[in-house]
Structures are given as C-alpha cells and as structure tokens.
Protein backbone atom coordinates (compact mmCIF):
# COMPACT_ATOMS: atom_id res chain seq x y z
CA MET A 1 -22.36 -3.29 16.82
CA SER A 2 -18.65 -3.44 17.36
CA ALA A 3 -15.87 -5.49 14.39
CA VAL A 4 -12.77 -6.72 14.08
CA HIS A 5 -10.75 -8.01 11.21
CA ALA A 6 -7.87 -9.71 10.16
CA PRO A 7 -6.30 -10.52 6.68
CA GLY A 8 -5.28 -13.77 5.04
CA ARG A 9 -1.96 -14.21 3.67
CA VAL A 10 -0.35 -15.13 0.99
CA ASN A 11 3.42 -16.35 0.98
CA LEU A 12 5.83 -14.78 -1.97
CA ILE A 13 8.26 -17.71 -1.18
CA GLY A 14 9.77 -19.88 1.04
CA ASP A 15 6.61 -22.92 2.04
CA HIS A 16 7.22 -26.03 4.57
CA THR A 17 10.60 -23.78 5.89
CA ASP A 18 7.95 -22.10 8.74
CA TYR A 19 8.17 -25.31 11.26
CA MET A 20 11.89 -26.06 10.45
CA GLY A 21 12.78 -23.04 12.08
CA GLY A 22 13.48 -21.72 8.29
CA LEU A 23 13.02 -18.23 6.69
CA VAL A 24 9.53 -17.11 4.95
CA LEU A 25 8.49 -14.09 2.79
CA PRO A 26 4.75 -13.95 3.36
CA MET A 27 2.31 -11.12 2.91
CA ALA A 28 -1.10 -10.32 4.21
CA VAL A 29 -4.03 -9.53 1.14
CA GLN A 30 -6.56 -7.29 1.16
CA LEU A 31 -9.22 -10.27 1.81
CA GLY A 32 -10.21 -11.70 5.26
CA THR A 33 -12.01 -12.11 8.11
CA THR A 34 -14.21 -9.97 9.76
CA ILE A 35 -16.50 -10.69 13.11
CA SER A 36 -19.12 -7.95 14.14
CA THR A 37 -19.95 -8.75 17.77
CA VAL A 38 -24.02 -8.24 17.94
CA THR A 39 -24.95 -6.33 20.90
CA GLY A 40 -28.62 -5.52 20.51
CA GLY A 41 -29.53 -9.02 21.04
CA THR A 42 -32.69 -10.39 23.62
CA GLU A 43 -29.65 -11.09 26.31
CA PRO A 44 -27.10 -8.87 27.52
CA ILE A 45 -23.60 -9.55 25.48
CA GLY A 46 -20.37 -9.11 27.72
CA PRO A 47 -19.45 -9.03 31.48
CA GLY A 48 -22.10 -10.39 33.17
CA GLY A 49 -23.73 -11.63 30.06
CA PRO A 50 -24.85 -15.13 29.60
CA ARG A 51 -21.98 -17.92 29.52
CA ARG A 52 -21.90 -18.77 25.79
CA LEU A 53 -20.00 -18.37 22.38
CA VAL A 54 -22.15 -17.83 20.01
CA MET A 55 -20.63 -17.26 15.86
CA ARG A 56 -23.07 -17.55 12.52
CA SER A 57 -21.39 -17.23 9.35
CA ASP A 58 -21.86 -15.96 6.15
CA ARG A 59 -20.78 -18.77 4.53
CA LEU A 60 -20.24 -21.96 6.19
CA ASP A 61 -22.55 -24.22 7.63
CA GLY A 62 -23.92 -24.36 11.17
CA VAL A 63 -24.33 -21.97 14.51
CA VAL A 64 -21.02 -22.17 17.09
CA ASP A 65 -23.12 -22.33 20.22
CA LEU A 66 -20.71 -23.22 23.14
CA ALA A 67 -21.21 -23.24 26.93
CA LEU A 68 -17.93 -21.51 29.01
CA PRO A 69 -15.43 -22.11 29.62
CA ILE A 70 -14.14 -24.09 26.39
CA GLU A 71 -12.62 -27.89 27.45
CA ASP A 72 -12.23 -29.92 24.46
CA PRO A 73 -12.25 -28.14 21.39
CA THR A 74 -11.67 -30.74 19.33
CA ALA A 75 -15.55 -32.03 19.78
CA VAL A 76 -16.72 -28.95 18.51
CA SER A 77 -19.21 -29.03 15.32
CA PRO A 78 -19.61 -26.97 13.16
CA PRO A 79 -15.89 -28.29 12.24
CA TRP A 80 -15.14 -24.33 11.59
CA GLY A 81 -15.77 -23.63 15.31
CA ARG A 82 -12.78 -25.67 16.11
CA TYR A 83 -10.73 -22.81 15.33
CA VAL A 84 -12.84 -20.31 17.18
CA ALA A 85 -13.43 -22.82 20.28
CA GLY A 86 -9.17 -23.48 20.54
CA VAL A 87 -8.50 -19.62 20.75
CA ALA A 88 -11.14 -19.38 23.77
CA ALA A 89 -9.60 -22.11 24.92
CA ALA A 90 -6.26 -20.90 25.00
CA LEU A 91 -7.67 -17.42 26.42
CA GLY A 92 -9.72 -19.07 28.62
CA THR A 93 -12.69 -17.30 27.88
CA THR A 94 -15.52 -17.29 30.36
CA VAL A 95 -17.61 -13.93 28.86
CA GLY A 96 -20.32 -14.25 26.60
CA ILE A 97 -20.04 -13.10 23.05
CA ASP A 98 -22.72 -13.27 20.36
CA ALA A 99 -21.30 -12.58 16.64
CA GLU A 100 -21.71 -12.61 12.90
CA VAL A 101 -18.41 -14.30 10.73
CA SER A 102 -17.79 -12.78 7.09
CA SER A 103 -15.42 -13.49 4.95
CA ASP A 104 -14.47 -13.23 0.98
CA LEU A 105 -11.35 -15.30 1.53
CA PRO A 106 -11.68 -18.83 -0.58
CA ILE A 107 -11.88 -21.53 1.60
CA GLY A 108 -9.49 -24.03 0.82
CA GLY A 109 -7.09 -21.56 -1.45
CA GLY A 110 -4.35 -21.24 0.62
CA LEU A 111 -4.31 -18.09 1.27
CA SER A 112 -4.87 -18.84 5.48
CA SER A 113 -8.30 -18.44 5.81
CA SER A 114 -7.84 -20.56 9.25
CA SER A 115 -5.38 -18.68 10.34
CA SER A 116 -7.49 -15.30 9.63
CA LEU A 117 -10.35 -17.19 11.95
CA ALA A 118 -8.74 -18.02 14.61
CA VAL A 119 -6.64 -14.36 14.52
CA ALA A 120 -10.18 -12.34 14.40
CA ALA A 121 -11.64 -14.33 16.94
CA ALA A 122 -8.72 -13.38 19.09
CA LEU A 123 -9.17 -10.40 18.83
CA ALA A 124 -13.15 -10.37 18.65
CA LEU A 125 -12.58 -12.40 21.80
CA GLY A 126 -10.39 -9.34 23.53
CA ALA A 127 -7.02 -10.88 23.57
CA HIS A 128 -4.15 -8.74 23.76
CA GLY A 129 -0.72 -7.85 23.03
CA THR A 130 2.32 -8.23 20.21
CA PRO A 131 1.96 -9.48 17.32
CA LEU A 132 3.99 -12.08 18.03
CA GLU A 133 1.96 -12.62 20.87
CA ILE A 134 -1.13 -12.89 19.38
CA ALA A 135 0.51 -15.42 16.63
CA HIS A 136 1.67 -17.45 19.14
CA LEU A 137 -2.02 -17.76 21.16
CA CYS A 138 -3.69 -18.78 17.54
CA ARG A 139 -0.87 -21.30 16.15
CA ASP A 140 -1.13 -22.89 19.46
CA ALA A 141 -4.82 -23.04 19.05
CA GLU A 142 -5.08 -24.09 15.86
CA GLU A 143 -3.17 -27.17 16.56
CA ALA A 144 -4.80 -27.47 19.48
CA ALA A 145 -8.36 -27.73 17.43
CA THR A 146 -7.22 -29.30 14.99
CA GLY A 147 -3.79 -31.97 15.56
CA VAL A 148 -2.34 -30.21 12.44
CA PRO A 149 1.64 -29.26 13.45
CA CYS A 150 0.98 -25.89 12.11
CA GLY A 151 4.54 -23.74 11.86
CA ILE A 152 4.21 -19.75 13.45
CA MET A 153 4.03 -17.95 9.61
CA ASP A 154 0.23 -17.37 8.66
CA GLN A 155 -0.50 -16.24 12.06
CA LEU A 156 2.45 -14.15 11.98
CA ALA A 157 1.80 -12.69 8.61
CA ILE A 158 -1.56 -11.88 9.29
CA ALA A 159 -1.26 -10.45 13.09
CA GLY A 160 2.54 -7.84 11.58
CA GLY A 161 1.40 -7.14 8.48
CA VAL A 162 2.99 -3.82 7.06
CA ALA A 163 1.38 -1.69 4.03
CA GLY A 164 3.18 -1.76 1.42
CA HIS A 165 5.56 -4.73 2.15
CA ALA A 166 5.89 -8.12 2.64
CA LEU A 167 7.88 -9.48 5.78
CA LEU A 168 11.01 -11.75 5.75
CA ILE A 169 10.19 -13.34 8.92
CA ASP A 170 13.28 -15.91 10.79
CA CYS A 171 11.32 -18.74 12.45
CA ALA A 172 14.12 -19.73 14.72
CA SER A 173 14.00 -16.49 16.11
CA GLU A 174 11.06 -15.26 15.36
CA SER A 175 12.43 -11.83 13.64
CA LEU A 176 10.32 -9.49 11.41
CA THR A 177 12.26 -7.22 8.68
CA PRO A 178 9.64 -5.77 6.42
CA ILE A 179 10.53 -5.67 2.93
CA ARG A 180 8.98 -3.07 0.29
CA VAL A 181 7.40 -4.40 -2.63
CA PRO A 182 7.97 -2.47 -5.44
CA ASP A 183 5.86 0.16 -6.84
CA ASP A 184 6.01 -1.56 -10.37
CA ALA A 185 5.46 -5.41 -9.04
CA ASN A 186 2.02 -6.71 -9.12
CA VAL A 187 1.35 -9.89 -6.67
CA TRP A 188 -1.32 -12.09 -8.25
CA VAL A 189 -3.00 -14.83 -6.45
CA LEU A 190 -4.82 -16.90 -8.50
CA ASP A 191 -7.64 -20.23 -7.88
CA SER A 192 -6.07 -23.12 -9.52
CA GLY A 193 -9.57 -24.86 -9.46
CA GLN A 194 -8.22 -27.25 -6.76
CA ALA A 195 -9.43 -27.42 -2.99
CA ARG A 196 -7.29 -27.55 -0.41
CA GLU A 197 -7.43 -28.55 3.14
CA LEU A 198 -4.49 -29.68 5.62
CA ALA A 199 -6.49 -31.96 8.01
CA GLY A 200 -6.61 -34.77 5.74
CA SER A 201 -3.39 -34.25 3.57
CA GLU A 202 0.59 -35.40 4.07
CA TYR A 203 1.45 -32.38 5.41
CA ALA A 204 2.14 -33.74 8.63
CA THR A 205 3.62 -37.05 6.68
CA ARG A 206 5.97 -34.16 5.24
CA ARG A 207 7.07 -32.96 8.69
CA ALA A 208 8.04 -36.21 9.84
CA GLN A 209 10.14 -36.45 6.86
CA ALA A 210 11.87 -33.17 7.46
CA GLU A 211 12.07 -34.09 10.91
CA ALA A 212 13.77 -37.25 10.32
CA ALA A 213 16.80 -35.14 8.16
CA GLU A 214 17.26 -32.82 11.06
CA ALA A 215 17.76 -35.65 13.90
CA VAL A 216 20.74 -36.29 11.91
CA VAL A 217 22.11 -33.60 10.09
CA GLY A 218 21.00 -30.96 12.43
CA PRO A 219 18.93 -28.23 12.13
CA LEU A 220 18.06 -27.99 8.00
CA PRO A 221 18.20 -24.32 7.63
CA ARG A 222 21.95 -24.06 8.44
CA ALA A 223 22.68 -27.93 7.58
CA SER A 224 25.20 -28.43 5.16
CA MET A 225 24.71 -29.71 1.61
CA ALA A 226 27.15 -32.19 1.94
CA ASP A 227 25.63 -33.36 4.94
CA ILE A 228 22.19 -33.21 3.34
CA GLU A 229 23.57 -35.29 0.32
CA SER A 230 25.24 -38.08 2.30
CA LEU A 231 20.82 -38.89 3.74
CA ASP A 232 20.19 -42.46 2.83
CA ASP A 233 16.94 -42.38 2.71
CA PRO A 234 16.27 -41.03 -1.07
CA VAL A 235 12.73 -39.16 0.30
CA VAL A 236 13.99 -37.89 3.50
CA ARG A 237 17.40 -36.23 1.40
CA ALA A 238 14.99 -34.77 -0.89
CA ARG A 239 12.76 -33.28 1.87
CA ALA A 240 15.95 -31.82 3.82
CA ARG A 241 17.06 -30.64 0.19
CA HIS A 242 13.75 -28.52 -0.40
CA VAL A 243 14.07 -26.72 2.96
CA ARG A 244 17.99 -26.01 2.54
CA THR A 245 17.50 -24.35 -0.58
CA GLU A 246 14.22 -22.81 -0.18
CA CYS A 247 15.46 -20.65 2.72
CA ASP A 248 18.38 -19.07 0.03
CA ARG A 249 15.84 -18.71 -2.28
CA VAL A 250 14.00 -16.52 0.49
CA ARG A 251 16.89 -14.58 1.40
CA SER A 252 17.97 -14.01 -1.82
CA PHE A 253 14.01 -13.38 -3.27
CA ALA A 254 14.20 -10.30 -0.26
CA ALA A 255 17.38 -8.64 -2.00
CA ALA A 256 16.05 -8.84 -5.13
CA LEU A 257 12.98 -7.38 -4.13
CA GLU A 258 14.92 -4.44 -2.33
CA ALA A 259 16.80 -4.15 -5.94
CA ASP A 260 13.87 -3.71 -7.52
CA ASP A 261 15.11 -7.05 -9.49
CA LEU A 262 11.82 -8.16 -10.42
CA VAL A 263 13.90 -10.95 -13.10
CA ARG A 264 15.55 -12.15 -10.75
CA ALA A 265 12.62 -12.50 -7.94
CA GLY A 266 11.03 -14.00 -10.45
CA GLN A 267 13.35 -16.60 -11.42
CA LEU A 268 13.44 -17.18 -7.93
CA MET A 269 9.74 -18.15 -7.25
CA VAL A 270 10.01 -20.45 -10.14
CA GLU A 271 12.65 -22.71 -8.74
CA SER A 272 10.82 -22.96 -5.46
CA HIS A 273 7.81 -24.18 -7.10
CA ARG A 274 10.38 -27.23 -9.26
CA SER A 275 11.67 -27.73 -5.44
CA LEU A 276 8.05 -27.92 -4.10
CA ARG A 277 6.98 -29.83 -6.60
CA ASP A 278 9.74 -32.58 -7.13
CA ASP A 279 11.63 -32.69 -3.87
CA TYR A 280 8.75 -32.30 -1.38
CA GLN A 281 6.34 -33.40 -3.85
CA VAL A 282 3.12 -31.09 -2.51
CA SER A 283 2.31 -29.66 -5.80
CA THR A 284 -0.18 -31.11 -7.65
CA ASP A 285 -1.36 -30.83 -11.83
CA ALA A 286 -3.49 -28.28 -11.77
CA LEU A 287 -1.42 -26.25 -9.86
CA ASP A 288 1.35 -26.85 -12.27
CA ARG A 289 -0.28 -26.74 -15.29
CA LEU A 290 -1.19 -22.82 -13.88
CA VAL A 291 1.79 -22.22 -13.01
CA ASP A 292 3.10 -23.46 -16.91
CA ARG A 293 0.62 -20.68 -18.29
CA LEU A 294 1.10 -18.12 -16.22
CA LEU A 295 5.19 -18.13 -17.51
CA GLY A 296 3.72 -18.68 -21.04
CA MET A 297 2.27 -15.07 -20.48
CA ASP A 298 4.06 -11.26 -21.84
CA GLY A 299 4.72 -9.78 -18.19
CA VAL A 300 4.86 -12.19 -15.89
CA PHE A 301 8.08 -12.56 -14.01
CA GLY A 302 7.71 -15.76 -12.29
CA ALA A 303 4.75 -18.14 -10.50
CA ARG A 304 4.63 -20.45 -8.02
CA LEU A 305 1.93 -22.59 -5.43
CA THR A 306 1.60 -20.86 -2.47
CA GLY A 307 0.91 -22.53 1.31
CA ALA A 308 1.24 -25.33 2.02
CA GLY A 309 0.23 -27.45 -1.47
CA PHE A 310 -2.07 -29.91 -2.07
CA GLY A 311 -4.01 -27.76 -4.41
CA GLY A 312 -5.19 -24.43 -3.34
CA CYS A 313 -3.88 -21.18 -5.33
CA VAL A 314 -0.59 -20.13 -7.03
CA VAL A 315 1.08 -16.90 -6.49
CA ALA A 316 2.46 -14.76 -9.56
CA LEU A 317 4.88 -11.75 -10.10
CA ALA A 318 3.99 -9.15 -12.63
CA ARG A 319 4.49 -5.94 -14.53
CA PRO A 320 1.15 -3.08 -13.86
CA GLY A 321 -1.42 -3.72 -16.47
CA VAL A 322 -0.67 -7.56 -17.28
CA THR A 323 -4.12 -9.20 -18.15
CA LEU A 324 -4.83 -12.83 -16.93
CA ASP A 325 -8.10 -13.39 -19.15
CA GLY A 326 -9.62 -16.84 -18.42
CA ILE A 327 -7.92 -17.51 -14.80
CA ARG A 328 -9.96 -16.92 -11.57
CA VAL A 329 -7.91 -13.83 -9.76
CA TRP A 330 -8.64 -14.07 -5.73
CA ALA A 331 -6.20 -10.98 -5.09
CA SER A 332 -4.41 -8.77 -7.07
CA ALA A 333 -2.88 -5.18 -6.93
CA GLY A 334 0.48 -3.60 -6.22
CA ALA A 335 2.05 -2.57 -3.11
CA ALA A 336 -1.10 -1.73 -2.11
CA ILE A 337 -1.99 -5.96 -1.76
CA VAL A 338 -1.70 -5.57 1.96
CA ALA A 339 -4.29 -5.06 4.33
C-alpha cells in the first residue's frame, strides 16, 4: 500500500483578497488528508487494471465508485466525491485506483479540508508539477466540481507549504515568499462550534460585490482609497474598502513577523477581524464571541476569523505556554505548526 498526504491550511491574515488578486499570508498545518492506495485487492489496480476510481473515507459517508474517464464531476455522489472527480476529470485520468481516504481535519472548520482532499487526490492520481501547477489544477477542478469561484490561496498554501514559515502570496503575480514564524510565537486554530460550508453561503455574492467595485475603480488591491470612498453603493464601497485595507494589513503583518513584533502582528489581526465583520460581513456571533474571549486572555496578542467566514475557526497568535481552557483547539504549535 502506498500513501500520499496533503496538509490543511490556516490563513493568518488576508481573507477575501485572493480572488481579487491581492495579498494573503497562510500557512500549512499539521492536520491533513492521507490517501492510501490499495494494491492487494482481488483485481489489479494501476496500468492495465480496471477503469474505475474507487475511494472510501474514514469520516465521510458513501463510497466514490466512478467509471473512467469522468465527464461530469458535478453529478457525482456522495458530494465529497465531486472534489476527487473534479481532479480526475482535470487530469484526464483513465487508470483505475482503489484507495482509502483518512483525515484529521475538521469538516467545515475553515482549515480547507476540501482543498486538502483535492491536492491529496491529485497526488494519488499521479499529478506532477510545481506547487503552482498543482494548485492551478486543483483550483480549477474544485470550481468545476462545486461551482464555487474560489481563489488560488488554499491550494497553493497546501501544495507549497514550507516548514517553520507562513507564505506571503501575491495572488496577482502568484509569487511566493516564505515568512519565518518567530520561535516565541504560538499559532492556535480554534473551533467556533459553528460549521461552515461555502456552497450555499453568500461567498459568491461577496465576490460579485467586490468585482462590481473593481469594474468601476480598477484592481482593488491597488485602487486609491479616495476612489473607493467615492463609490455610490454603500455595500459595494464597504466590500472594496475591506479588500484594499486587508492587503495593506497583510504586508504590515509580514513585516511584523520578520521584526519579531508580535504585539503589532496581533493588532493587525484584530483590525482584520473587524473589517471582515463590518465591511465584508462574513463573521457570525459565534466567531465574534470566540475572538472577544481570546482577546481577554493574558498572553494572546491577537485573534481573527480565518477562512471565508460564515462559521468555522478562529486563528490566534499567543505567547508559548498560554492555556486556552475550555476552548476546542484543532491545531496548535509554534513554528512547527506547518507540515
């Protein structure tokens, strides 16, 4: 039996900026998805084997059992199989595989369990290339399979993670710059208790509103604040303001990490959460309560919702040794949080 692994990711700062060509600062986490290929079944799997893709999950219901090649990933059942089918369709897979899927990522937690599955599936199905090439393949496959117009951040953070570092990604140029996470910083990923799913949420609506602003003032990461504040529609104006100011915060946060200035980094996380709550309106009561609770604890520099919002997780920056009693921690560590 052979196995491949793809981590999840947490975004330290920079949400709803990736699909607008802005800046993000994610890092891979130690939790992830493993796909183990069965090689000792009753039928040979691989070249010359059956033309079927079969996968079973230790946590998700249903069995993916598909004839190859795959023509319409959107019609696949169970729903989690659409990510696998989308990747197989993008690769033009015609060689059968029989595999087990295991994951310790929270489903709907905002740690990109779906992109982790997609990247793991790509590796299991024999995809080769640079992290950026793998990320493009999986991003396009996810969008084709689910209809959610996602950006490149999740897949690129998973495919290109660097141990001990976050990744400063310019989503316009698709360039990567590893940013060292200080040794005296702990990154905590905490469960809000509210599951999140992009399909069926207002994610696509938020993106459309930001794109409406872009059509007037140009690329939002580089638009002037004066032009943004001149937009007539107050909702569109607020969405644009978040994207523009969030990109500034990402740049400042990366500089703060490099300077070991965790106080400033924490302040920027709080500002980011408020912008996501007020201007982009993707926070929830559960997320807000958890952020407020964390900010009231000694040793916590900052906290914010992470991912697209609408539920999921909060990421916090804290001193080593801080105890977060009574809060469910999905992932924690210092710089070693990355896979």
